[in-house]
């Protein structure tokens, strides 16, 4: 079965850190660029960060620049999102998306809640 599985979400205090993982099974993630998206309650899903197939190119939303880092370990078939200095506004369900011209895959999401 071809799927992406996110993990690593949870409840964290403001200023805390989390590392999200996006693991692929049934296909090789090397062939895909990967993006992380967030969806807060009542809001549309929006892009947070993305990384190229090789990992040599990355992009970030202005709201997370400096605080978040996306990286990948193709040997582990996994992409990560390191989130530092988390803010209550970062509270959302986070999804990863692996995409190429012919196909794309979405995970089921992992909840991140930033609250004191």
N, C-alpha and C. Protein backbone atom coordinates (compact mmCIF):
# COMPACT_ATOMS: atom_id res chain seq x y z
N UNK A 1 0.85 -1.19 0.00
CA UNK A 1 0.00 0.00 0.00
C UNK A 1 0.88 1.24 0.00
N UNK A 2 0.56 2.17 -0.90
CA UNK A 2 1.34 3.39 -1.02
C UNK A 2 0.78 4.41 -0.05
N UNK A 3 1.61 4.89 0.87
CA UNK A 3 1.10 5.86 1.81
C UNK A 3 2.21 6.68 2.45
N UNK A 4 1.78 7.84 2.96
CA UNK A 4 2.64 8.68 3.79
C UNK A 4 2.06 8.69 5.19
N UNK A 5 2.92 8.62 6.16
CA UNK A 5 2.48 8.64 7.55
C UNK A 5 3.24 9.71 8.31
N UNK A 6 2.48 10.68 8.83
CA UNK A 6 3.10 11.72 9.65
C UNK A 6 3.09 11.30 11.12
N UNK A 7 4.06 11.76 11.85
CA UNK A 7 4.13 11.51 13.28
C UNK A 7 4.93 12.63 13.93
N UNK A 8 4.88 12.67 15.26
CA UNK A 8 5.68 13.63 15.99
C UNK A 8 4.92 14.82 16.54
N UNK A 9 3.64 14.92 16.22
CA UNK A 9 2.85 16.01 16.75
C UNK A 9 2.57 15.82 18.24
N UNK A 10 1.97 16.85 18.83
CA UNK A 10 1.63 16.76 20.24
C UNK A 10 1.35 18.12 20.82
N UNK A 11 1.29 18.16 22.14
CA UNK A 11 1.05 19.39 22.88
C UNK A 11 2.38 19.92 23.39
N UNK A 12 2.65 21.18 23.12
CA UNK A 12 3.91 21.79 23.54
C UNK A 12 3.63 23.22 24.01
N UNK A 13 4.42 23.69 24.94
CA UNK A 13 4.27 25.06 25.43
C UNK A 13 4.87 26.05 24.44
N UNK A 14 4.41 27.28 24.47
CA UNK A 14 5.03 28.31 23.62
C UNK A 14 6.53 28.38 23.86
N UNK A 15 7.27 28.48 22.77
CA UNK A 15 8.72 28.48 22.87
C UNK A 15 9.33 27.10 22.77
N UNK A 16 8.50 26.09 22.80
CA UNK A 16 9.00 24.71 22.72
C UNK A 16 9.30 24.27 21.31
N UNK A 17 9.69 23.00 21.18
CA UNK A 17 10.09 22.45 19.89
C UNK A 17 9.44 21.09 19.65
N UNK A 18 9.24 20.79 18.41
CA UNK A 18 8.78 19.48 17.96
C UNK A 18 9.46 19.17 16.64
N UNK A 19 9.63 17.88 16.38
CA UNK A 19 10.10 17.44 15.07
C UNK A 19 9.07 16.49 14.48
N UNK A 20 8.50 16.90 13.37
CA UNK A 20 7.54 16.06 12.67
C UNK A 20 8.26 15.17 11.66
N UNK A 21 7.74 13.96 11.49
CA UNK A 21 8.28 13.03 10.51
C UNK A 21 7.22 12.69 9.49
N UNK A 22 7.65 12.49 8.28
CA UNK A 22 6.78 12.08 7.18
C UNK A 22 7.46 10.88 6.53
N UNK A 23 6.95 9.71 6.81
CA UNK A 23 7.56 8.47 6.33
C UNK A 23 6.74 7.88 5.19
N UNK A 24 7.42 7.50 4.13
CA UNK A 24 6.75 6.89 2.99
C UNK A 24 6.86 5.38 3.05
N UNK A 25 5.80 4.73 2.67
CA UNK A 25 5.85 3.27 2.54
C UNK A 25 5.21 2.88 1.22
N UNK A 26 5.79 1.86 0.59
CA UNK A 26 5.26 1.39 -0.69
C UNK A 26 5.80 2.14 -1.89
N UNK A 27 6.56 3.19 -1.68
CA UNK A 27 7.19 3.89 -2.79
C UNK A 27 8.44 4.59 -2.29
N UNK A 28 9.29 4.98 -3.24
CA UNK A 28 10.57 5.59 -2.89
C UNK A 28 10.43 7.10 -2.88
N UNK A 29 10.65 7.68 -1.73
CA UNK A 29 10.45 9.11 -1.57
C UNK A 29 11.49 9.94 -2.31
N UNK A 30 12.63 9.31 -2.67
CA UNK A 30 13.69 10.02 -3.40
C UNK A 30 13.17 10.69 -4.68
N UNK A 31 12.15 10.09 -5.28
CA UNK A 31 11.67 10.58 -6.57
C UNK A 31 10.68 11.73 -6.46
N UNK A 32 10.44 12.17 -5.23
CA UNK A 32 9.40 13.16 -4.99
C UNK A 32 9.95 14.37 -4.24
N UNK A 33 9.48 15.54 -4.65
CA UNK A 33 9.62 16.70 -3.78
C UNK A 33 8.56 16.55 -2.68
N UNK A 34 8.78 17.16 -1.55
CA UNK A 34 7.86 17.01 -0.42
C UNK A 34 7.55 18.36 0.19
N UNK A 35 6.29 18.55 0.51
CA UNK A 35 5.88 19.77 1.18
C UNK A 35 5.18 19.47 2.49
N UNK A 36 5.29 20.39 3.42
CA UNK A 36 4.51 20.35 4.65
C UNK A 36 3.46 21.46 4.59
N UNK A 37 2.25 21.13 5.01
CA UNK A 37 1.13 22.05 5.01
C UNK A 37 0.50 22.06 6.40
N UNK A 38 -0.12 23.16 6.75
CA UNK A 38 -0.84 23.22 8.02
C UNK A 38 -2.27 23.66 7.77
N UNK A 39 -3.15 23.18 8.62
CA UNK A 39 -4.55 23.58 8.54
C UNK A 39 -5.07 23.82 9.95
N UNK A 40 -5.28 25.08 10.26
CA UNK A 40 -5.82 25.45 11.56
C UNK A 40 -7.34 25.37 11.52
N UNK A 41 -7.98 25.21 12.67
CA UNK A 41 -9.45 25.12 12.70
C UNK A 41 -10.11 26.30 12.00
N UNK A 42 -11.01 25.99 11.09
CA UNK A 42 -11.75 27.02 10.40
C UNK A 42 -10.99 27.73 9.30
N UNK A 43 -9.77 27.27 9.02
CA UNK A 43 -8.95 27.92 7.99
C UNK A 43 -8.61 26.94 6.89
N UNK A 44 -8.18 27.49 5.76
CA UNK A 44 -7.78 26.66 4.65
C UNK A 44 -6.37 26.09 4.89
N UNK A 45 -6.10 24.99 4.25
CA UNK A 45 -4.76 24.40 4.31
C UNK A 45 -3.78 25.33 3.60
N UNK A 46 -2.63 25.53 4.20
CA UNK A 46 -1.65 26.42 3.59
C UNK A 46 -0.26 25.81 3.67
N UNK A 47 0.57 26.21 2.73
CA UNK A 47 1.92 25.68 2.66
C UNK A 47 2.81 26.24 3.75
N UNK A 48 3.63 25.37 4.33
CA UNK A 48 4.56 25.76 5.38
C UNK A 48 6.00 25.71 4.86
N UNK A 49 6.32 24.62 4.21
CA UNK A 49 7.69 24.44 3.74
C UNK A 49 7.71 23.36 2.68
N UNK A 50 8.74 23.37 1.85
CA UNK A 50 8.90 22.30 0.88
C UNK A 50 10.38 22.07 0.63
N UNK A 51 10.67 20.87 0.12
CA UNK A 51 12.05 20.49 -0.11
C UNK A 51 12.13 19.74 -1.43
N UNK A 52 13.19 19.97 -2.16
CA UNK A 52 13.37 19.31 -3.45
C UNK A 52 13.75 17.85 -3.26
N UNK A 53 13.80 17.13 -4.36
CA UNK A 53 14.12 15.71 -4.30
C UNK A 53 15.47 15.46 -3.67
N UNK A 54 16.43 16.26 -4.02
CA UNK A 54 17.78 16.05 -3.49
C UNK A 54 17.97 16.65 -2.10
N UNK A 55 17.07 17.54 -1.73
CA UNK A 55 17.24 18.27 -0.47
C UNK A 55 18.05 19.53 -0.64
N UNK A 56 18.48 19.82 -1.85
CA UNK A 56 19.33 20.98 -2.08
C UNK A 56 18.59 22.30 -2.14
N UNK A 57 17.28 22.23 -2.28
CA UNK A 57 16.48 23.45 -2.35
C UNK A 57 15.33 23.36 -1.36
N UNK A 58 15.16 24.40 -0.57
CA UNK A 58 14.07 24.45 0.40
C UNK A 58 13.38 25.81 0.34
N UNK A 59 12.13 25.82 0.73
CA UNK A 59 11.36 27.06 0.80
C UNK A 59 10.53 27.05 2.08
N UNK A 60 10.25 28.26 2.58
CA UNK A 60 9.49 28.40 3.81
C UNK A 60 8.48 29.54 3.71
N UNK A 61 7.37 29.36 4.37
CA UNK A 61 6.43 30.48 4.53
C UNK A 61 7.10 31.53 5.41
N UNK A 62 6.77 32.78 5.16
CA UNK A 62 7.38 33.87 5.93
C UNK A 62 7.18 33.70 7.43
N UNK A 63 6.05 33.15 7.81
CA UNK A 63 5.71 33.04 9.24
C UNK A 63 6.58 32.03 9.98
N UNK A 64 7.27 31.15 9.25
CA UNK A 64 8.05 30.11 9.92
C UNK A 64 9.54 30.18 9.61
N UNK A 65 9.91 31.10 8.73
CA UNK A 65 11.34 31.25 8.42
C UNK A 65 12.12 31.46 9.71
N UNK A 66 13.30 30.90 9.76
CA UNK A 66 14.20 30.98 10.92
C UNK A 66 13.79 29.97 11.98
N UNK A 67 12.47 29.79 12.23
CA UNK A 67 12.03 28.91 13.30
C UNK A 67 11.94 27.45 12.86
N UNK A 68 11.57 27.18 11.61
CA UNK A 68 11.37 25.82 11.13
C UNK A 68 12.48 25.43 10.15
N UNK A 69 12.81 24.14 10.15
CA UNK A 69 13.78 23.61 9.20
C UNK A 69 13.26 22.31 8.62
N UNK A 70 13.24 22.23 7.30
CA UNK A 70 12.82 21.00 6.63
C UNK A 70 14.09 20.29 6.14
N UNK A 71 14.11 18.98 6.29
CA UNK A 71 15.24 18.21 5.79
C UNK A 71 14.76 16.79 5.51
N UNK A 72 15.57 16.06 4.79
CA UNK A 72 15.15 14.71 4.41
C UNK A 72 16.30 13.74 4.58
N UNK A 73 15.92 12.51 4.83
CA UNK A 73 16.88 11.40 4.90
C UNK A 73 16.35 10.35 3.94
N UNK A 74 16.85 10.39 2.73
CA UNK A 74 16.33 9.47 1.71
C UNK A 74 16.65 8.01 2.05
N UNK A 75 17.68 7.77 2.80
CA UNK A 75 17.99 6.40 3.21
C UNK A 75 16.89 5.84 4.12
N UNK A 76 16.24 6.75 4.85
CA UNK A 76 15.15 6.33 5.74
C UNK A 76 13.78 6.57 5.11
N UNK A 77 13.81 7.07 3.86
CA UNK A 77 12.53 7.31 3.16
C UNK A 77 11.63 8.26 3.96
N UNK A 78 12.24 9.27 4.55
CA UNK A 78 11.53 10.14 5.48
C UNK A 78 11.94 11.60 5.29
N UNK A 79 10.97 12.47 5.44
CA UNK A 79 11.21 13.91 5.47
C UNK A 79 10.79 14.43 6.83
N UNK A 80 11.53 15.41 7.34
CA UNK A 80 11.29 15.92 8.68
C UNK A 80 11.00 17.42 8.65
N UNK A 81 10.31 17.87 9.67
CA UNK A 81 10.11 19.30 9.87
C UNK A 81 10.46 19.60 11.32
N UNK A 82 11.60 20.24 11.50
CA UNK A 82 12.03 20.65 12.83
C UNK A 82 11.40 22.00 13.12
N UNK A 83 10.64 22.08 14.20
CA UNK A 83 9.91 23.30 14.54
C UNK A 83 10.40 23.81 15.90
N UNK A 84 11.01 24.97 15.89
CA UNK A 84 11.52 25.57 17.11
C UNK A 84 10.75 26.84 17.45
N UNK A 85 10.87 27.25 18.70
CA UNK A 85 10.24 28.49 19.16
C UNK A 85 8.77 28.54 18.73
N UNK A 86 8.05 27.49 19.01
CA UNK A 86 6.66 27.38 18.57
C UNK A 86 5.78 28.43 19.23
N UNK A 87 4.81 28.88 18.46
CA UNK A 87 3.89 29.92 18.90
C UNK A 87 2.47 29.36 18.88
N UNK A 88 1.57 29.92 19.69
CA UNK A 88 0.18 29.44 19.66
C UNK A 88 -0.42 29.47 18.25
N UNK A 89 0.02 30.42 17.44
CA UNK A 89 -0.48 30.52 16.06
C UNK A 89 -0.06 29.35 15.18
N UNK A 90 0.89 28.56 15.65
CA UNK A 90 1.32 27.38 14.89
C UNK A 90 0.39 26.19 15.11
N UNK A 91 -0.55 26.31 16.02
CA UNK A 91 -1.49 25.23 16.29
C UNK A 91 -2.27 24.88 15.04
N UNK A 92 -2.21 23.61 14.65
CA UNK A 92 -2.85 23.16 13.41
C UNK A 92 -2.62 21.67 13.25
N UNK A 93 -3.32 21.11 12.29
CA UNK A 93 -2.98 19.77 11.81
C UNK A 93 -1.96 19.95 10.69
N UNK A 94 -0.88 19.21 10.77
CA UNK A 94 0.20 19.30 9.78
C UNK A 94 0.17 18.08 8.88
N UNK A 95 0.20 18.34 7.59
CA UNK A 95 0.17 17.28 6.59
C UNK A 95 1.43 17.35 5.73
N UNK A 96 1.88 16.18 5.30
CA UNK A 96 2.95 16.18 4.30
C UNK A 96 2.38 15.69 2.97
N UNK A 97 3.02 16.16 1.93
CA UNK A 97 2.58 15.87 0.56
C UNK A 97 3.81 15.57 -0.28
N UNK A 98 3.85 14.40 -0.86
CA UNK A 98 4.92 14.02 -1.78
C UNK A 98 4.37 14.15 -3.20
N UNK A 99 5.07 14.89 -4.06
CA UNK A 99 4.49 15.17 -5.37
C UNK A 99 5.54 15.12 -6.46
N UNK A 100 5.07 14.76 -7.64
CA UNK A 100 5.84 14.82 -8.87
C UNK A 100 4.83 15.03 -9.98
N UNK A 101 5.28 15.08 -11.21
CA UNK A 101 4.36 15.40 -12.31
C UNK A 101 3.22 14.41 -12.40
N UNK A 102 3.54 13.13 -12.21
CA UNK A 102 2.54 12.09 -12.48
C UNK A 102 1.68 11.73 -11.28
N UNK A 103 2.09 12.08 -10.10
CA UNK A 103 1.34 11.63 -8.94
C UNK A 103 1.68 12.45 -7.71
N UNK A 104 0.78 12.37 -6.74
CA UNK A 104 1.11 12.94 -5.44
C UNK A 104 0.38 12.16 -4.36
N UNK A 105 0.92 12.22 -3.17
CA UNK A 105 0.38 11.51 -2.02
C UNK A 105 0.29 12.45 -0.83
N UNK A 106 -0.76 12.23 -0.04
CA UNK A 106 -0.95 12.99 1.19
C UNK A 106 -0.99 12.04 2.39
N UNK A 107 -0.48 12.51 3.49
CA UNK A 107 -0.62 11.77 4.73
C UNK A 107 -1.93 12.14 5.41
N UNK A 108 -2.16 11.51 6.57
CA UNK A 108 -3.41 11.70 7.29
C UNK A 108 -3.36 12.89 8.25
N UNK A 109 -2.16 13.41 8.47
CA UNK A 109 -2.00 14.58 9.32
C UNK A 109 -1.62 14.23 10.75
N UNK A 110 -0.96 15.18 11.40
CA UNK A 110 -0.60 15.04 12.81
C UNK A 110 -0.89 16.37 13.50
N UNK A 111 -1.52 16.29 14.65
CA UNK A 111 -1.97 17.49 15.35
C UNK A 111 -0.82 18.10 16.15
N UNK A 112 -0.64 19.41 15.99
CA UNK A 112 0.30 20.17 16.80
C UNK A 112 -0.49 21.22 17.55
N UNK A 113 -0.36 21.21 18.86
CA UNK A 113 -1.05 22.18 19.69
C UNK A 113 -0.03 22.91 20.54
N UNK A 114 -0.01 24.22 20.42
CA UNK A 114 0.92 25.05 21.19
C UNK A 114 0.11 25.86 22.19
N UNK A 115 0.28 25.52 23.45
CA UNK A 115 -0.53 26.15 24.48
C UNK A 115 0.14 26.02 25.83
N UNK A 116 -0.06 27.02 26.66
CA UNK A 116 0.47 26.96 28.02
C UNK A 116 -0.57 26.40 28.97
